[in-house]
């Protein structure tokens, strides 16, 4: 799906490798590795239905991948 989105957007490569090197044909494993550090932690308050959610900020490569896949960053963080 990402490869087709890259082709449609005329995006020859995206920097998915750890050192930011260009990747021409991303794999599912590379996407998992890139998104692995993204976490979401709900912290419960005194009342059972009261909680606060802490998320890790998305990096530029996360924004790029989500944009190519047509996923809003607000939808991703929700």
Protein backbone atom coordinates (compact mmCIF):
# COMPACT_ATOMS: atom_id res chain seq x y z
CA UNK A 1 0.00 0.00 0.00
CA UNK A 2 2.80 2.43 0.89
CA UNK A 3 4.70 1.60 -2.28
CA UNK A 4 1.63 2.40 -4.39
CA UNK A 5 1.09 5.64 -2.46
CA UNK A 6 4.74 6.61 -3.04
CA UNK A 7 4.35 5.92 -6.76
CA UNK A 8 1.11 7.92 -6.96
CA UNK A 9 2.75 10.86 -5.13
CA UNK A 10 5.80 10.56 -7.40
CA UNK A 11 7.92 9.95 -4.32
CA UNK A 12 10.95 7.90 -5.40
CA UNK A 13 12.13 7.11 -1.89
CA UNK A 14 11.59 7.94 1.75
CA UNK A 15 14.19 7.90 4.54
CA UNK A 16 13.09 4.79 6.44
CA UNK A 17 16.49 3.41 7.37
CA UNK A 18 17.74 4.24 10.90
CA UNK A 19 20.44 6.57 9.60
CA UNK A 20 17.90 8.41 7.42
CA UNK A 21 19.08 6.75 4.22
CA UNK A 22 16.61 6.61 1.35
CA UNK A 23 14.46 3.52 0.94
CA UNK A 24 13.10 2.83 -2.53
CA UNK A 25 10.90 -0.17 -1.69
CA UNK A 26 9.70 -0.07 1.93
CA UNK A 27 8.68 -3.29 3.62
CA UNK A 28 6.23 -3.94 6.41
CA UNK A 29 9.17 -4.71 8.71
CA UNK A 30 10.67 -1.27 8.04
CA UNK A 31 7.36 0.42 8.87
CA UNK A 32 7.07 -1.55 12.08
CA UNK A 33 10.61 -0.56 13.03
CA UNK A 34 9.95 3.13 12.28
CA UNK A 35 6.72 3.24 14.29
CA UNK A 36 7.91 1.01 17.14
CA UNK A 37 9.00 3.92 19.39
CA UNK A 38 5.56 5.55 19.15
CA UNK A 39 3.77 4.85 22.40
CA UNK A 40 0.56 5.85 24.08
CA UNK A 41 0.23 5.80 27.86
CA UNK A 42 -3.06 6.40 29.65
CA UNK A 43 -2.56 7.60 33.23
CA UNK A 44 -5.62 6.96 35.38
CA UNK A 45 -6.71 9.54 37.91
CA UNK A 46 -8.69 9.10 41.13
CA UNK A 47 -11.99 8.40 39.39
CA UNK A 48 -12.06 5.28 37.18
CA UNK A 49 -13.25 7.23 34.13
CA UNK A 50 -10.70 10.05 34.50
CA UNK A 51 -7.42 9.63 32.73
CA UNK A 52 -4.82 11.57 30.79
CA UNK A 53 -3.14 10.21 27.67
CA UNK A 54 0.53 10.81 26.96
CA UNK A 55 1.85 10.08 23.48
CA UNK A 56 5.26 10.32 21.93
CA UNK A 57 5.56 13.01 19.27
CA UNK A 58 5.67 11.98 15.66
CA UNK A 59 8.87 12.68 13.73
CA UNK A 60 8.99 14.01 10.16
CA UNK A 61 9.21 10.48 8.73
CA UNK A 62 6.08 9.47 10.66
CA UNK A 63 4.25 12.48 9.22
CA UNK A 64 5.45 11.57 5.72
CA UNK A 65 4.33 7.94 5.97
CA UNK A 66 0.94 8.84 7.45
CA UNK A 67 0.40 11.51 4.77
CA UNK A 68 1.25 9.05 1.99
CA UNK A 69 -1.19 6.52 3.47
CA UNK A 70 -3.92 9.14 3.80
CA UNK A 71 -4.01 8.95 7.59
CA UNK A 72 -4.40 12.22 9.47
CA UNK A 73 -1.92 12.73 12.29
CA UNK A 74 -4.82 13.75 14.51
CA UNK A 75 -6.58 10.47 13.72
CA UNK A 76 -3.39 8.58 14.47
CA UNK A 77 -2.91 10.22 17.86
CA UNK A 78 -6.58 9.96 18.87
